[in-house]
Amino acid sequence: MPSLAPMLEKALPGVVNISTRGKVKVRNPLMDSPFYDDPFFRRFFGQPDMPQYRETQSLGSGVIVDAKKGYIITNTHVVAGADSITVTLNDERTMEAKVVGRDEETDVAVIKVEPERLVALPLADSDRLRAGDFVVAVGNPFGLKHTVTMGIVSALGRALPTENDAYQDYIQTDASINPGNSGGALLDLQGRVVGINAAILSQSGGNIGIGFAIPINLANAIMHQLIEHGEVRRGQLGVMVQDLTPDLARYLKLDVQHGAIVAQVAPGSAAEQAGLRSEDVIVEINDKPVHSARELRNDIGLMTIGDTVKLKVLRDGKPKTITAKIGKKQQQEASGEVHPALAGATLTPGSTKDGEPGLLVQSLDPQSPAAFGGLQEKDVIVEVNRQPVKTLDDLATAVKAGDGALLLKIRRGSATLLLFFH
């Protein structure tokens, strides 16, 4: 009878169980007060207890990709916050692992174990996948070691709702994926890895036939950067883009139905230096068609600083080729080096809904001085000390001119706010 057993006998040793232990801080609610460090406050409330910790445990899966060096790919969320990581092989051997690197934006992590009698799985070309191809998911759902499920590729290029700027290009599959499968292998019928299982869509927390895997081409590119640098050193083109819709294509009198239209070019960016303009429509990147803004963002996000990118654009309906060199990502944590009141905010060039340029509060530590001062995520800082700011250099210049004081003009949705720090 036809069976997947011969293929799985070779593949199962390449998939591992991962268990982690860590600690999370359990805070006294009084410690969240901005007055906690005030001596009178602490004396009045009897000096609240210091932070307490509780132990955490998690289970997941991983895929051996380099048997000679002991490298294993898994998900970032599997090993995040872990103080210790234990890997259990198919032959029941256990090994301690250490984190080589993690990337939050793609949910890819690499860990390392001693390379003792390991079996690595071959990698396929996930760009060749098609909806309808048969796939096999291997992992450790609910702690049940080396469980195998089968299904098909339901769709490609999926993205999930997220609050951060994650790079997403998921393979959707109906092969049963459950908690604990994260980091495991999605295989083709030849036993090659086509994806790394990462997420499910479910209201109950269990499988309903909609699972997602990170394409192995994407995971592999991230893995090499993590091994080489311990982090992903992303560059930036410096454009804000959106999908080219049929309505926009008709308005611009374009014959194409796919692409990414440039809404804004960041001042001083690689895009500006290369000559990109607002309303340019990017239809190809390095001779590869661009179907959406997300696809373009993913391609740029996998490039490193200094890489050269060739873009085919339509400007006023006429084709034009532009070559740009990927620049340094214009984003930083606004630490005390800029101004103590901005500590905890991550700023990047952006714009308001009306197109007014400024600095977008991309993320914010809720227990930081910036948060206590009134800043919120998605705020756009348009003026600092009455000076317009478009770049981080503008911010630094305006802060120096304030002689210690800091007056921020903020756009929050349709509202305008003033925040003062000293």
Protein backbone atom coordinates (compact mmCIF):
# COMPACT_ATOMS: atom_id res chain seq x y z
CA MET A 1 0.00 0.00 0.00
CA PRO A 2 1.22 3.57 -0.66
CA SER A 3 2.71 4.97 2.53
CA LEU A 4 4.64 7.98 3.81
CA ALA A 5 6.45 5.78 6.32
CA PRO A 6 9.69 5.31 4.28
CA MET A 7 10.04 9.07 3.84
CA LEU A 8 9.25 9.77 7.50
CA GLU A 9 11.76 7.21 8.75
CA LYS A 10 14.43 9.43 7.24
CA ALA A 11 12.83 12.73 8.19
CA LEU A 12 11.77 12.21 11.82
CA PRO A 13 15.34 12.25 13.25
CA GLY A 14 15.66 15.81 11.90
CA VAL A 15 12.76 17.17 13.97
CA VAL A 16 13.32 17.77 17.69
CA ASN A 17 11.28 18.55 20.77
CA ILE A 18 12.15 21.80 22.55
CA SER A 19 11.29 22.52 26.17
CA THR A 20 12.22 25.73 27.91
CA ARG A 21 12.26 27.15 31.42
CA GLY A 22 12.30 30.79 32.33
CA LYS A 23 11.13 33.39 34.80
CA VAL A 24 8.69 36.26 34.46
CA LYS A 25 8.42 39.18 36.82
CA VAL A 26 5.24 39.43 38.88
CA ARG A 27 4.83 43.04 39.92
CA ASN A 28 3.07 44.62 42.83
CA PRO A 29 0.47 47.01 41.26
CA LEU A 30 1.86 49.89 43.33
CA MET A 31 5.18 49.52 41.49
CA ASP A 32 3.53 50.62 38.25
CA SER A 33 2.99 54.08 39.70
CA PRO A 34 5.34 56.79 38.39
CA PHE A 35 5.71 57.89 42.04
CA TYR A 36 7.08 54.53 43.21
CA ASP A 37 10.63 55.82 43.54
CA ASP A 38 9.52 58.81 45.61
CA PRO A 39 10.70 58.27 49.26
CA PHE A 40 7.46 59.69 50.72
CA PHE A 41 5.34 57.39 48.55
CA ARG A 42 7.36 54.32 49.56
CA ARG A 43 7.21 55.29 53.26
CA PHE A 44 3.47 56.02 53.13
CA PHE A 45 2.64 52.68 51.51
CA GLY A 46 5.02 50.69 53.67
CA GLN A 47 7.66 50.19 50.95
CA PRO A 48 5.98 47.66 48.58
CA ASP A 49 7.64 44.30 48.12
CA MET A 50 10.38 43.97 45.56
CA PRO A 51 9.52 42.20 42.25
CA GLN A 52 8.66 38.54 42.59
CA TYR A 53 9.23 35.96 39.91
CA ARG A 54 7.40 32.87 38.81
CA GLU A 55 8.78 30.08 36.69
CA THR A 56 7.47 29.48 33.19
CA GLN A 57 7.65 26.44 30.95
CA SER A 58 6.94 26.04 27.26
CA LEU A 59 7.04 23.30 24.65
CA GLY A 60 7.76 23.56 20.97
CA SER A 61 9.59 21.95 18.09
CA GLY A 62 12.65 22.57 15.98
CA VAL A 63 14.31 21.45 12.75
CA ILE A 64 17.96 20.41 12.49
CA VAL A 65 19.42 22.24 9.49
CA ASP A 66 23.16 21.71 10.03
CA ALA A 67 24.19 18.39 11.59
CA LYS A 68 27.92 19.21 11.56
CA LYS A 69 27.56 22.44 13.54
CA GLY A 70 24.43 21.61 15.55
CA TYR A 71 22.20 24.42 14.25
CA ILE A 72 18.43 24.12 14.75
CA ILE A 73 15.74 26.45 13.40
CA THR A 74 12.68 27.16 15.53
CA ASN A 75 10.32 30.06 16.28
CA THR A 76 11.32 33.08 18.32
CA HIS A 77 8.22 32.72 20.48
CA VAL A 78 9.29 29.17 21.41
CA VAL A 79 12.56 30.29 23.03
CA ALA A 80 11.75 33.87 24.03
CA GLY A 81 12.49 34.53 27.71
CA ALA A 82 14.07 31.11 28.23
CA ASP A 83 16.77 30.69 30.86
CA SER A 84 17.37 27.09 29.84
CA ILE A 85 16.53 25.16 26.66
CA THR A 86 16.44 21.37 26.43
CA VAL A 87 16.31 19.58 23.09
CA THR A 88 15.04 16.02 22.90
CA LEU A 89 15.98 14.05 19.79
CA ASN A 90 14.00 11.33 18.06
CA ASP A 91 16.19 8.67 19.75
CA GLU A 92 15.27 10.14 23.19
CA ARG A 93 18.67 11.73 23.79
CA THR A 94 18.50 15.14 25.48
CA MET A 95 20.86 18.06 24.98
CA GLU A 96 21.15 21.54 26.37
CA ALA A 97 20.91 24.26 23.74
CA LYS A 98 21.89 27.92 23.57
CA VAL A 99 20.32 30.68 21.49
CA VAL A 100 22.41 31.82 18.53
CA GLY A 101 20.01 34.59 17.54
CA ARG A 102 16.34 35.56 17.38
CA ASP A 103 14.38 37.76 15.02
CA GLU A 104 11.07 39.06 16.37
CA GLU A 105 9.88 40.43 13.04
CA THR A 106 9.87 37.06 11.25
CA ASP A 107 9.49 34.84 14.35
CA VAL A 108 12.61 32.88 13.34
CA ALA A 109 15.22 31.78 15.88
CA VAL A 110 18.35 29.65 15.67
CA ILE A 111 19.63 27.54 18.57
CA LYS A 112 22.71 25.35 18.82
CA VAL A 113 23.46 21.96 20.39
CA GLU A 114 26.55 19.76 20.44
CA PRO A 115 26.83 18.15 16.98
CA GLU A 116 26.72 14.54 18.16
CA ARG A 117 25.10 12.05 15.76
CA LEU A 118 22.60 14.54 14.39
CA VAL A 119 20.51 14.22 11.23
CA ALA A 120 19.77 17.37 9.23
CA LEU A 121 16.82 17.73 6.90
CA PRO A 122 17.26 18.90 3.29
CA LEU A 123 15.65 22.22 2.36
CA ALA A 124 13.34 22.67 -0.61
CA ASP A 125 12.71 25.79 -2.70
CA SER A 126 9.54 27.20 -1.15
CA ASP A 127 9.12 29.62 -4.06
CA ARG A 128 8.10 26.62 -6.16
CA LEU A 129 5.19 25.67 -3.90
CA ARG A 130 1.68 25.77 -5.34
CA ALA A 131 -1.72 25.72 -3.73
CA GLY A 132 -2.81 22.08 -3.77
CA ASP A 133 0.64 20.55 -3.19
CA PHE A 134 0.64 17.81 -0.55
CA VAL A 135 2.54 18.63 2.65
CA VAL A 136 3.28 16.87 5.95
CA ALA A 137 3.56 18.65 9.32
CA VAL A 138 5.90 17.12 11.90
CA GLY A 139 6.17 18.37 15.47
CA ASN A 140 5.25 17.89 19.09
CA PRO A 141 1.66 19.14 19.59
CA PHE A 142 0.60 19.28 23.24
CA GLY A 143 3.88 17.54 24.13
CA LEU A 144 3.06 14.45 22.02
CA LYS A 145 6.47 13.80 20.53
CA HIS A 146 6.99 13.39 16.79
CA THR A 147 3.42 13.61 15.63
CA VAL A 148 2.78 13.52 11.87
CA THR A 149 -0.20 15.09 10.09
CA MET A 150 -0.88 15.48 6.38
CA GLY A 151 -2.72 17.98 4.23
CA ILE A 152 -2.25 20.33 1.32
CA VAL A 153 -1.02 23.85 0.73
CA SER A 154 -4.26 25.81 1.06
CA ALA A 155 -2.85 29.18 -0.01
CA LEU A 156 0.37 31.16 -0.29
CA GLY A 157 1.43 34.66 0.71
CA ARG A 158 -0.83 34.94 3.74
CA ALA A 159 -0.50 37.70 6.36
CA LEU A 160 -2.04 37.78 9.84
CA PRO A 161 -3.27 40.81 11.81
CA THR A 162 -0.43 42.07 13.98
CA GLU A 163 0.39 45.15 16.04
CA ASN A 164 4.05 45.21 15.06
CA ASP A 165 5.79 45.45 11.71
CA ALA A 166 6.21 41.72 11.23
CA TYR A 167 7.50 40.34 7.94
CA GLN A 168 4.83 37.86 6.89
CA ASP A 169 4.52 35.65 3.83
CA TYR A 170 2.91 32.56 5.34
CA ILE A 171 2.13 29.23 3.74
CA GLN A 172 -1.43 28.31 4.74
CA THR A 173 -2.10 24.60 5.19
CA ASP A 174 -4.86 22.33 6.44
CA ALA A 175 -2.32 19.82 7.81
CA SER A 176 -3.22 19.68 11.49
CA ILE A 177 -1.10 22.15 13.50
CA ASN A 178 -1.63 22.62 17.24
CA PRO A 179 0.19 24.26 20.18
CA GLY A 180 3.60 22.61 20.44
CA ASN A 181 3.94 22.28 16.65
CA SER A 182 5.56 25.72 16.55
CA GLY A 183 9.05 25.51 15.10
CA GLY A 184 8.46 22.08 13.56
CA ALA A 185 8.83 21.10 9.93
CA LEU A 186 6.39 21.37 7.06
CA LEU A 187 7.67 18.81 4.56
CA ASP A 188 6.98 17.96 0.94
CA LEU A 189 6.47 14.35 -0.05
CA GLN A 190 10.22 13.95 -0.65
CA GLY A 191 10.97 14.78 2.98
CA ARG A 192 12.36 18.24 2.25
CA VAL A 193 11.53 21.22 4.46
CA VAL A 194 9.27 23.73 2.72
CA GLY A 195 8.29 25.68 5.84
CA ILE A 196 8.61 26.16 9.59
CA ASN A 197 5.27 25.75 11.37
CA ALA A 198 4.48 28.96 13.24
CA ALA A 199 0.83 29.77 13.93
CA ILE A 200 -2.81 28.72 13.77
CA LEU A 201 -6.07 30.57 13.31
CA SER A 202 -8.49 29.33 15.93
CA GLN A 203 -11.06 30.59 18.41
CA SER A 204 -10.69 27.52 20.62
CA GLY A 205 -6.89 27.28 20.65
CA GLY A 206 -6.98 23.97 18.76
CA ASN A 207 -6.73 23.05 15.10
CA ILE A 208 -9.61 23.96 12.79
CA GLY A 209 -7.76 23.34 9.54
CA ILE A 210 -6.09 26.73 9.16
CA GLY A 211 -2.40 26.65 10.03
CA PHE A 212 0.53 28.78 8.92
CA ALA A 213 4.19 28.09 8.22
CA ILE A 214 7.10 30.43 7.46
CA PRO A 215 8.46 29.65 3.96
CA ILE A 216 11.84 27.97 4.29
CA ASN A 217 13.46 30.39 1.83
CA LEU A 218 12.58 33.25 4.17
CA ALA A 219 13.61 31.31 7.29
CA ASN A 220 16.88 30.25 5.66
CA ALA A 221 17.82 33.83 4.75
CA ILE A 222 17.14 34.96 8.32
CA MET A 223 19.05 31.97 9.73
CA HIS A 224 22.26 32.87 7.87
CA GLN A 225 22.18 36.43 9.23
CA LEU A 226 21.53 35.20 12.77
CA ILE A 227 24.44 32.76 12.56
CA GLU A 228 26.78 35.36 11.09
CA HIS A 229 25.80 38.40 13.16
CA GLY A 230 23.58 37.15 16.00
CA GLU A 231 20.90 39.49 14.69
CA VAL A 232 19.25 40.56 11.43
CA ARG A 233 20.86 43.69 10.07
CA ARG A 234 18.05 45.04 7.96
CA GLY A 235 18.51 47.93 5.65
CA GLN A 236 15.87 50.36 4.47
CA LEU A 237 14.87 51.83 1.14
CA GLY A 238 13.02 54.73 2.77
CA VAL A 239 9.60 54.69 1.14
CA MET A 240 6.04 54.35 2.37
CA VAL A 241 4.10 52.25 -0.14
CA GLN A 242 0.59 50.92 -0.60
CA ASP A 243 -1.05 48.43 -2.92
CA LEU A 244 -1.88 49.53 -6.44
CA THR A 245 -5.64 49.06 -6.56
CA PRO A 246 -7.70 48.83 -9.77
CA ASP A 247 -9.17 52.27 -9.00
CA LEU A 248 -5.71 53.81 -8.62
CA ALA A 249 -4.52 52.10 -11.80
CA ARG A 250 -7.46 53.55 -13.75
CA TYR A 251 -6.93 57.02 -12.28
CA LEU A 252 -3.23 56.93 -13.19
CA LYS A 253 -4.10 55.47 -16.63
CA LEU A 254 -1.89 52.41 -16.14
CA ASP A 255 -2.25 49.13 -17.99
CA VAL A 256 -0.79 47.07 -15.10
CA GLN A 257 -2.96 45.60 -12.33
CA HIS A 258 -0.26 44.87 -9.77
CA GLY A 259 2.49 46.76 -8.00
CA ALA A 260 3.23 49.03 -5.06
CA ILE A 261 2.64 52.76 -5.35
CA VAL A 262 5.00 55.11 -3.50
CA ALA A 263 3.02 57.31 -1.10
CA GLN A 264 6.01 59.05 0.49
CA VAL A 265 9.79 59.17 0.15
CA ALA A 266 11.71 59.75 3.39
CA PRO A 267 14.08 62.74 3.30
CA GLY A 268 17.72 61.71 3.06
CA SER A 269 16.82 58.07 2.41
CA ALA A 270 18.29 55.66 -0.13
CA ALA A 271 15.11 56.06 -2.17
CA GLU A 272 15.44 59.85 -2.34
CA GLN A 273 19.10 59.60 -3.33
CA ALA A 274 18.22 57.12 -6.09
CA GLY A 275 15.51 59.43 -7.49
CA LEU A 276 12.31 57.67 -6.46
CA ARG A 277 9.28 59.96 -6.28
CA SER A 278 5.83 59.94 -4.75
CA GLU A 279 3.29 58.27 -7.10
CA ASP A 280 5.95 56.11 -8.74
CA VAL A 281 4.56 52.59 -9.15
CA ILE A 282 7.10 49.84 -8.41
CA VAL A 283 6.26 46.82 -10.56
CA GLU A 284 9.51 44.82 -10.35
CA ILE A 285 12.34 44.36 -7.87
CA ASN A 286 15.52 42.70 -9.15
CA ASP A 287 13.56 41.42 -12.18
CA LYS A 288 10.91 39.83 -9.94
CA PRO A 289 7.29 41.04 -10.25
CA VAL A 290 5.90 43.00 -7.30
CA HIS A 291 2.28 42.11 -6.59
CA SER A 292 1.71 44.03 -3.35
CA ALA A 293 3.21 46.51 -0.92
CA ARG A 294 3.70 43.72 1.62
CA GLU A 295 5.64 41.64 -0.89
CA LEU A 296 7.93 44.59 -1.66
CA ARG A 297 8.44 45.24 2.05
CA ASN A 298 9.38 41.59 2.64
CA ASP A 299 11.91 41.62 -0.21
CA ILE A 300 13.53 44.84 1.02
CA GLY A 301 13.47 43.59 4.61
CA LEU A 302 15.63 40.59 3.71
CA MET A 303 18.35 42.79 2.23
CA THR A 304 21.27 44.15 4.19
CA ILE A 305 22.85 47.58 4.30
CA GLY A 306 24.85 48.24 1.15
CA ASP A 307 22.97 45.78 -1.08
CA THR A 308 22.05 47.12 -4.53
CA VAL A 309 18.45 46.82 -5.65
CA LYS A 310 17.11 47.33 -9.18
CA LEU A 311 13.58 48.66 -9.36
CA LYS A 312 11.36 48.87 -12.42
CA VAL A 313 8.88 51.69 -11.92
CA LEU A 314 6.15 53.39 -13.89
CA ARG A 315 6.31 57.18 -13.74
CA ASP A 316 3.47 58.98 -15.48
CA GLY A 317 2.77 55.68 -17.23
CA LYS A 318 6.29 55.35 -18.66
CA PRO A 319 8.70 52.57 -17.58
CA LYS A 320 11.86 53.60 -15.80
CA THR A 321 14.65 51.61 -14.14
CA ILE A 322 16.08 52.92 -10.87
CA THR A 323 19.02 51.46 -9.00
CA ALA A 324 19.29 52.13 -5.28
CA LYS A 325 21.68 51.11 -2.54
CA ILE A 326 19.95 49.91 0.62
CA GLY A 327 20.68 52.31 3.46
CA LYS A 328 20.78 52.10 7.21
CA LYS A 329 17.40 51.70 8.86
CA GLN A 330 16.34 55.10 10.15
CA GLN A 331 15.04 53.90 13.47
CA GLN A 332 16.42 54.07 16.95
CA GLU A 333 15.36 54.05 20.55
CA ALA A 334 15.03 57.62 21.67
CA SER A 335 17.18 57.11 24.76
CA GLY A 336 18.57 59.55 27.29
CA GLU A 337 21.24 60.46 24.75
CA VAL A 338 18.53 62.41 22.88
CA HIS A 339 16.47 63.54 25.88
CA PRO A 340 15.67 61.67 29.11
CA ALA A 341 11.94 62.27 28.64
CA LEU A 342 11.95 60.28 25.38
CA ALA A 343 13.53 57.16 26.86
CA GLY A 344 11.54 54.06 25.95
CA ALA A 345 10.12 55.36 22.66
CA THR A 346 11.16 53.94 19.30
CA LEU A 347 10.89 56.56 16.57
CA THR A 348 11.03 56.31 12.81
CA PRO A 349 10.28 58.79 9.99
CA GLY A 350 6.59 58.71 9.12
CA SER A 351 3.61 60.93 8.46
CA THR A 352 0.14 61.78 9.70
CA LYS A 353 -3.06 60.59 8.01
CA ASP A 354 -3.07 63.93 6.19
CA GLY A 355 0.45 63.34 4.88
CA GLU A 356 2.25 65.77 7.18
CA PRO A 357 5.78 64.41 7.77
CA GLY A 358 7.08 63.76 11.26
CA LEU A 359 8.46 61.09 13.57
CA LEU A 360 6.20 58.12 14.21
CA VAL A 361 6.19 56.53 17.67
CA GLN A 362 6.52 52.99 16.36
CA SER A 363 6.70 51.26 19.74
CA LEU A 364 6.68 52.33 23.36
CA ASP A 365 7.68 50.74 26.65
CA PRO A 366 4.60 51.28 28.87
CA GLN A 367 6.82 51.68 31.96
CA SER A 368 9.12 54.28 30.41
CA PRO A 369 9.50 58.04 30.95
CA ALA A 370 8.12 58.65 27.46
CA ALA A 371 4.92 56.75 28.29
CA PHE A 372 4.54 58.44 31.68
CA GLY A 373 4.97 61.79 29.94
CA GLY A 374 1.94 61.15 27.74
CA LEU A 375 3.32 59.71 24.49
CA GLN A 376 1.38 56.85 22.89
CA GLU A 377 2.14 54.38 20.12
CA LYS A 378 1.21 55.66 16.64
CA ASP A 379 1.58 59.30 17.74
CA VAL A 380 3.35 61.42 15.14
CA ILE A 381 5.71 64.10 16.45
CA VAL A 382 5.56 66.94 13.91
CA GLU A 383 7.37 69.68 15.87
CA VAL A 384 9.96 69.73 18.63
CA ASN A 385 10.61 73.04 20.39
CA ARG A 386 8.60 74.75 17.62
CA GLN A 387 10.84 73.32 14.90
CA PRO A 388 9.43 70.89 12.27
CA VAL A 389 11.02 67.43 12.49
CA LYS A 390 11.14 64.89 9.68
CA THR A 391 14.24 62.89 10.60
CA LEU A 392 16.10 61.76 13.70
CA ASP A 393 18.79 64.34 12.91
CA ASP A 394 16.09 67.04 13.00
CA LEU A 395 15.05 65.74 16.42
CA ALA A 396 18.57 65.91 17.83
CA THR A 397 19.03 69.46 16.51
CA ALA A 398 15.71 70.66 17.95
CA VAL A 399 16.41 69.08 21.34
CA LYS A 400 19.76 70.88 21.60
CA ALA A 401 18.08 74.18 20.78
CA GLY A 402 15.67 73.71 23.70
CA ASP A 403 18.40 74.00 26.34
CA GLY A 404 16.94 71.12 28.37
CA ALA A 405 13.24 71.89 27.86
CA LEU A 406 11.21 69.82 25.42
CA LEU A 407 7.95 70.91 23.78
CA LEU A 408 6.41 68.31 21.48
CA LYS A 409 3.63 68.99 19.01
CA ILE A 410 1.82 65.67 18.49
CA ARG A 411 -0.71 64.48 15.94
CA ARG A 412 -2.89 61.74 17.44
CA GLY A 413 -5.48 60.71 14.90
CA SER A 414 -7.31 63.94 14.02
CA ALA A 415 -6.29 65.66 17.27
CA THR A 416 -3.31 67.95 17.93
CA LEU A 417 -1.63 67.86 21.35
CA LEU A 418 1.22 69.67 23.07
CA LEU A 419 3.42 67.81 25.55
CA PHE A 420 5.96 69.66 27.65
CA PHE A 421 8.95 68.09 29.45
CA HIS A 422 11.72 69.73 31.43
